[in-house]
Amino acid sequence: LALGELPAFVTAGMLTLEFLLSGSAVARSWGDKVVEWLRVELNVSERALRLLEPGYGINPAACLVSIATTVLVLAGVKESKLVTDVFTWLKVFPV
């Protein structure tokens, strides 16, 4: 091991754990907000809401929120790559 590899590895593990825990806390909060929004604004039936919030510390709505935001970010990365490629070709083409 080179000098500094072990502290770097431990730090990377701690940052990954921090991102995992903070992301799950945000998803849990947003999942609760989605369920509350469905209950208050859209008057969704209690049977449907029980699927999204069954209790016992389980929150499937949080999982759905995490999946939706991941898909949104991936779509944004794809769009950003397309725009970057277009502008790169526009700059390279005159040369």
C-alpha atoms as a PDB file:
ATOM      1  CA  LEU A   1       0.000   0.000   0.000  1.00  0.00           C
ATOM      2  CA  ALA A   2       1.189   3.432  -0.874  1.00  0.00           C
ATOM      3  CA  LEU A   3       1.090   6.216   1.658  1.00  0.00           C
ATOM      4  CA  GLY A   4      -2.407   7.656   1.805  1.00  0.00           C
ATOM      5  CA  GLU A   5      -4.292   4.867   0.035  1.00  0.00           C
ATOM      6  CA  LEU A   6      -5.902   3.498   3.189  1.00  0.00           C
ATOM      7  CA  PRO A   7      -7.187   6.895   4.416  1.00  0.00           C
ATOM      8  CA  ALA A   8      -8.475   7.629   0.909  1.00  0.00           C
ATOM      9  CA  PHE A   9     -10.263   4.271   0.779  1.00  0.00           C
ATOM     10  CA  VAL A  10     -11.837   4.791   4.212  1.00  0.00           C
ATOM     11  CA  THR A  11     -12.904   8.323   3.272  1.00  0.00           C
ATOM     12  CA  ALA A  12     -14.486   7.101   0.024  1.00  0.00           C
ATOM     13  CA  GLY A  13     -16.406   4.441   1.941  1.00  0.00           C
ATOM     14  CA  MET A  14     -17.629   6.988   4.476  1.00  0.00           C
ATOM     15  CA  LEU A  15     -18.748   9.388   1.718  1.00  0.00           C
ATOM     16  CA  THR A  16     -20.607   6.582  -0.045  1.00  0.00           C
ATOM     17  CA  LEU A  17     -22.369   5.662   3.173  1.00  0.00           C
ATOM     18  CA  GLU A  18     -23.247   9.318   3.797  1.00  0.00           C
ATOM     19  CA  PHE A  19     -24.718   9.707   0.294  1.00  0.00           C
ATOM     20  CA  LEU A  20     -26.687   6.483   0.717  1.00  0.00           C
ATOM     21  CA  LEU A  21     -28.181   7.502   4.055  1.00  0.00           C
ATOM     22  CA  SER A  22     -28.948  11.091   3.075  1.00  0.00           C
ATOM     23  CA  GLY A  23     -30.476   9.971  -0.236  1.00  0.00           C
ATOM     24  CA  SER A  24     -32.716   7.474   1.542  1.00  0.00           C
ATOM     25  CA  ALA A  25     -33.818  10.135   4.044  1.00  0.00           C
ATOM     26  CA  VAL A  26     -34.724  12.553   1.254  1.00  0.00           C
ATOM     27  CA  ALA A  27     -36.562   9.820  -0.675  1.00  0.00           C
ATOM     28  CA  ARG A  28     -38.486   8.863   2.473  1.00  0.00           C
ATOM     29  CA  SER A  29     -39.524  12.477   3.030  1.00  0.00           C
ATOM     30  CA  TRP A  30     -40.561  12.957  -0.604  1.00  0.00           C
ATOM     31  CA  GLY A  31     -42.428   9.634  -0.534  1.00  0.00           C
ATOM     32  CA  ASP A  32     -44.454  10.852   2.449  1.00  0.00           C
ATOM     33  CA  LYS A  33     -45.160  14.128   0.656  1.00  0.00           C
ATOM     34  CA  VAL A  34     -46.309  12.276  -2.481  1.00  0.00           C
ATOM     35  CA  VAL A  35     -48.691  10.117  -0.454  1.00  0.00           C
ATOM     36  CA  GLU A  36     -50.046  13.170   1.367  1.00  0.00           C
ATOM     37  CA  TRP A  37     -50.480  15.027  -1.956  1.00  0.00           C
ATOM     38  CA  LEU A  38     -52.369  12.070  -3.419  1.00  0.00           C
ATOM     39  CA  ARG A  39     -54.572  11.925  -0.326  1.00  0.00           C
ATOM     40  CA  VAL A  40     -55.372  15.655  -0.092  1.00  0.00           C
ATOM     41  CA  GLU A  41     -55.265  17.001  -3.646  1.00  0.00           C
ATOM     42  CA  LEU A  42     -56.308  14.040  -5.788  1.00  0.00           C
ATOM     43  CA  ASN A  43     -58.571  12.233  -3.295  1.00  0.00           C
ATOM     44  CA  VAL A  44     -57.062   8.844  -4.094  1.00  0.00           C
ATOM     45  CA  SER A  45     -58.786   5.926  -2.389  1.00  0.00           C
ATOM     46  CA  GLU A  46     -57.412   4.630   0.886  1.00  0.00           C
ATOM     47  CA  ARG A  47     -56.911   1.187  -0.648  1.00  0.00           C
ATOM     48  CA  ALA A  48     -54.524   2.612  -3.256  1.00  0.00           C
ATOM     49  CA  LEU A  49     -52.757   4.712  -0.635  1.00  0.00           C
ATOM     50  CA  ARG A  50     -52.257   1.634   1.552  1.00  0.00           C
ATOM     51  CA  LEU A  51     -50.118   0.178  -1.270  1.00  0.00           C
ATOM     52  CA  LEU A  52     -47.900   3.273  -1.223  1.00  0.00           C
ATOM     53  CA  GLU A  53     -47.783   3.533   2.580  1.00  0.00           C
ATOM     54  CA  PRO A  54     -48.388   0.153   4.203  1.00  0.00           C
ATOM     55  CA  GLY A  55     -46.776   1.102   7.512  1.00  0.00           C
ATOM     56  CA  TYR A  56     -44.265  -0.969   9.510  1.00  0.00           C
ATOM     57  CA  GLY A  57     -41.506   1.448   8.454  1.00  0.00           C
ATOM     58  CA  ILE A  58     -41.861   0.441   4.804  1.00  0.00           C
ATOM     59  CA  ASN A  59     -42.347   3.187   2.223  1.00  0.00           C
ATOM     60  CA  PRO A  60     -42.729   1.989  -1.400  1.00  0.00           C
ATOM     61  CA  ALA A  61     -43.474   5.574  -2.437  1.00  0.00           C
ATOM     62  CA  ALA A  62     -39.885   6.445  -1.481  1.00  0.00           C
ATOM     63  CA  CYS A  63     -38.629   3.737  -3.818  1.00  0.00           C
ATOM     64  CA  LEU A  64     -40.806   5.085  -6.633  1.00  0.00           C
ATOM     65  CA  VAL A  65     -39.529   8.618  -5.991  1.00  0.00           C
ATOM     66  CA  SER A  66     -35.917   7.361  -6.109  1.00  0.00           C
ATOM     67  CA  ILE A  67     -36.519   5.516  -9.372  1.00  0.00           C
ATOM     68  CA  ALA A  68     -38.283   8.512 -10.945  1.00  0.00           C
ATOM     69  CA  THR A  69     -35.508  10.948 -10.014  1.00  0.00           C
ATOM     70  CA  THR A  70     -32.829   8.534 -11.252  1.00  0.00           C
ATOM     71  CA  VAL A  71     -34.602   8.214 -14.610  1.00  0.00           C
ATOM     72  CA  LEU A  72     -34.947  12.007 -14.777  1.00  0.00           C
ATOM     73  CA  VAL A  73     -31.237  12.506 -14.094  1.00  0.00           C
ATOM     74  CA  LEU A  74     -30.259   9.880 -16.668  1.00  0.00           C
ATOM     75  CA  ALA A  75     -32.507  11.507 -19.273  1.00  0.00           C
ATOM     76  CA  GLY A  76     -30.933  14.872 -18.465  1.00  0.00           C
ATOM     77  CA  VAL A  77     -27.439  13.440 -18.912  1.00  0.00           C
ATOM     78  CA  LYS A  78     -28.454  12.026 -22.292  1.00  0.00           C
ATOM     79  CA  GLU A  79     -29.898  15.386 -23.391  1.00  0.00           C
ATOM     80  CA  SER A  80     -26.822  17.222 -22.126  1.00  0.00           C
ATOM     81  CA  LYS A  81     -24.546  14.894 -24.076  1.00  0.00           C
ATOM     82  CA  LEU A  82     -26.569  15.518 -27.233  1.00  0.00           C
ATOM     83  CA  VAL A  83     -26.333  19.309 -26.850  1.00  0.00           C
ATOM     84  CA  THR A  84     -22.590  19.081 -26.139  1.00  0.00           C
ATOM     85  CA  ASP A  85     -22.057  16.917 -29.230  1.00  0.00           C
ATOM     86  CA  VAL A  86     -24.011  19.335 -31.438  1.00  0.00           C
ATOM     87  CA  PHE A  87     -22.017  22.347 -30.272  1.00  0.00           C
ATOM     88  CA  THR A  88     -18.747  20.428 -30.610  1.00  0.00           C
ATOM     89  CA  TRP A  89     -19.568  19.548 -34.208  1.00  0.00           C
ATOM     90  CA  LEU A  90     -20.585  23.155 -34.883  1.00  0.00           C
ATOM     91  CA  LYS A  91     -17.199  24.334 -33.645  1.00  0.00           C
ATOM     92  CA  VAL A  92     -15.210  21.616 -35.426  1.00  0.00           C
ATOM     93  CA  PHE A  93     -17.073  21.808 -38.755  1.00  0.00           C
ATOM     94  CA  PRO A  94     -15.704  25.247 -39.857  1.00  0.00           C
ATOM     95  CA  VAL A  95     -12.144  24.124 -39.142  1.00  0.00           C
END
